[in-house]
Amino acid sequence: MGRVYMHLTYDQRLAIKQMLERGNSKKEIAESIGVHTSTIYREIDRGTVNGHYDPTAAEEAYQEKLAEKGPTAVLEENPELAN
């Protein structure tokens, strides 16, 4: 059986921010949330704005990437077919 991939929730992103503000290490944050330490590092990179982690910015970046996933719609590729 392969790996199971899960996306961070907004609540988990809020928890990351709170733990960072309290001075917890990345490893402690990862263990608390139940993800790999590298996930925390990537998440912090993704959500850092002006030198501070912003869970809202991270969530927006995640939603933008999510919207880009999947195949291009047939009608979008071929407008003549839509007519």
C-alpha atoms as a PDB file:
ATOM      1  CA  MET A   1       0.000   0.000   0.000  1.00  0.00           C
ATOM      2  CA  GLY A   2       1.333   3.463  -0.898  1.00  0.00           C
ATOM      3  CA  ARG A   3       1.671   6.579   1.126  1.00  0.00           C
ATOM      4  CA  VAL A   4      -1.349   8.537   2.229  1.00  0.00           C
ATOM      5  CA  TYR A   5      -1.002  12.260   1.603  1.00  0.00           C
ATOM      6  CA  MET A   6      -3.037  14.744   3.587  1.00  0.00           C
ATOM      7  CA  HIS A   7      -3.242  18.507   3.279  1.00  0.00           C
ATOM      8  CA  LEU A   8      -2.946  20.810   6.259  1.00  0.00           C
ATOM      9  CA  THR A   9      -6.173  22.341   7.462  1.00  0.00           C
ATOM     10  CA  TYR A  10      -6.600  26.000   8.332  1.00  0.00           C
ATOM     11  CA  ASP A  11      -6.841  25.015  12.015  1.00  0.00           C
ATOM     12  CA  GLN A  12      -3.473  23.261  11.747  1.00  0.00           C
ATOM     13  CA  ARG A  13      -2.014  26.397  10.151  1.00  0.00           C
ATOM     14  CA  LEU A  14      -3.342  28.457  13.060  1.00  0.00           C
ATOM     15  CA  ALA A  15      -1.754  25.984  15.491  1.00  0.00           C
ATOM     16  CA  ILE A  16       1.584  26.360  13.679  1.00  0.00           C
ATOM     17  CA  LYS A  17       1.391  30.137  14.097  1.00  0.00           C
ATOM     18  CA  GLN A  18       0.567  29.878  17.802  1.00  0.00           C
ATOM     19  CA  MET A  19       3.385  27.415  18.451  1.00  0.00           C
ATOM     20  CA  LEU A  20       5.885  29.529  16.524  1.00  0.00           C
ATOM     21  CA  GLU A  21       4.889  32.545  18.626  1.00  0.00           C
ATOM     22  CA  ARG A  22       5.426  30.486  21.795  1.00  0.00           C
ATOM     23  CA  GLY A  23       8.884  29.512  20.586  1.00  0.00           C
ATOM     24  CA  ASN A  24       8.261  25.826  19.936  1.00  0.00           C
ATOM     25  CA  SER A  25      10.751  24.094  17.654  1.00  0.00           C
ATOM     26  CA  LYS A  26       9.761  22.902  14.184  1.00  0.00           C
ATOM     27  CA  LYS A  27      10.141  19.325  15.398  1.00  0.00           C
ATOM     28  CA  GLU A  28       7.784  19.917  18.348  1.00  0.00           C
ATOM     29  CA  ILE A  29       5.242  21.530  16.040  1.00  0.00           C
ATOM     30  CA  ALA A  30       5.432  18.604  13.607  1.00  0.00           C
ATOM     31  CA  GLU A  31       4.964  16.051  16.385  1.00  0.00           C
ATOM     32  CA  SER A  32       2.033  17.987  17.822  1.00  0.00           C
ATOM     33  CA  ILE A  33       0.235  18.218  14.480  1.00  0.00           C
ATOM     34  CA  GLY A  34       1.189  14.721  13.360  1.00  0.00           C
ATOM     35  CA  VAL A  35       3.180  15.552  10.241  1.00  0.00           C
ATOM     36  CA  HIS A  36       6.810  15.267   9.157  1.00  0.00           C
ATOM     37  CA  THR A  37       9.205  18.026  10.165  1.00  0.00           C
ATOM     38  CA  SER A  38       9.859  18.882   6.501  1.00  0.00           C
ATOM     39  CA  THR A  39       6.140  19.614   6.094  1.00  0.00           C
ATOM     40  CA  ILE A  40       6.427  22.314   8.739  1.00  0.00           C
ATOM     41  CA  TYR A  41       9.469  23.865   7.062  1.00  0.00           C
ATOM     42  CA  ARG A  42       7.695  23.922   3.673  1.00  0.00           C
ATOM     43  CA  GLU A  43       4.544  25.331   5.220  1.00  0.00           C
ATOM     44  CA  ILE A  44       6.442  28.120   6.943  1.00  0.00           C
ATOM     45  CA  ASP A  45       8.214  28.960   3.668  1.00  0.00           C
ATOM     46  CA  ARG A  46       4.883  29.008   1.843  1.00  0.00           C
ATOM     47  CA  GLY A  47       3.150  31.205   4.393  1.00  0.00           C
ATOM     48  CA  THR A  48       5.837  33.678   5.389  1.00  0.00           C
ATOM     49  CA  VAL A  49       4.925  37.293   4.656  1.00  0.00           C
ATOM     50  CA  ASN A  50       7.257  40.120   5.697  1.00  0.00           C
ATOM     51  CA  GLY A  51       9.298  37.750   7.823  1.00  0.00           C
ATOM     52  CA  HIS A  52       6.355  36.323   9.802  1.00  0.00           C
ATOM     53  CA  TYR A  53       4.258  33.205   9.260  1.00  0.00           C
ATOM     54  CA  ASP A  54       0.716  34.123   8.198  1.00  0.00           C
ATOM     55  CA  PRO A  55      -1.724  31.176   8.176  1.00  0.00           C
ATOM     56  CA  THR A  56      -4.219  33.142   6.063  1.00  0.00           C
ATOM     57  CA  ALA A  57      -1.621  33.784   3.350  1.00  0.00           C
ATOM     58  CA  ALA A  58      -0.605  30.115   3.471  1.00  0.00           C
ATOM     59  CA  GLU A  59      -4.236  29.024   3.111  1.00  0.00           C
ATOM     60  CA  GLU A  60      -4.751  31.382   0.160  1.00  0.00           C
ATOM     61  CA  ALA A  61      -1.615  30.024  -1.546  1.00  0.00           C
ATOM     62  CA  TYR A  62      -2.876  26.483  -0.964  1.00  0.00           C
ATOM     63  CA  GLN A  63      -6.314  27.296  -2.400  1.00  0.00           C
ATOM     64  CA  GLU A  64      -4.749  28.910  -5.491  1.00  0.00           C
ATOM     65  CA  LYS A  65      -2.608  25.830  -6.137  1.00  0.00           C
ATOM     66  CA  LEU A  66      -5.615  23.593  -5.563  1.00  0.00           C
ATOM     67  CA  ALA A  67      -7.641  25.504  -8.148  1.00  0.00           C
ATOM     68  CA  GLU A  68      -4.873  24.967 -10.731  1.00  0.00           C
ATOM     69  CA  LYS A  69      -4.984  21.184 -10.354  1.00  0.00           C
ATOM     70  CA  GLY A  70      -6.727  18.867 -12.734  1.00  0.00           C
ATOM     71  CA  PRO A  71      -7.124  18.700 -16.469  1.00  0.00           C
ATOM     72  CA  THR A  72      -8.062  21.720 -18.552  1.00  0.00           C
ATOM     73  CA  ALA A  73     -11.760  21.787 -19.417  1.00  0.00           C
ATOM     74  CA  VAL A  74     -12.517  20.593 -22.960  1.00  0.00           C
ATOM     75  CA  LEU A  75     -14.580  23.684 -23.730  1.00  0.00           C
ATOM     76  CA  GLU A  76     -11.802  25.918 -22.455  1.00  0.00           C
ATOM     77  CA  GLU A  77      -9.325  24.246 -24.807  1.00  0.00           C
ATOM     78  CA  ASN A  78     -11.682  24.370 -27.792  1.00  0.00           C
ATOM     79  CA  PRO A  79     -14.020  27.423 -27.816  1.00  0.00           C
ATOM     80  CA  GLU A  80     -15.408  26.385 -31.219  1.00  0.00           C
ATOM     81  CA  LEU A  81     -16.822  23.247 -29.616  1.00  0.00           C
ATOM     82  CA  ALA A  82     -18.603  25.398 -27.040  1.00  0.00           C
ATOM     83  CA  ASN A  83     -20.469  27.229 -29.806  1.00  0.00           C
END
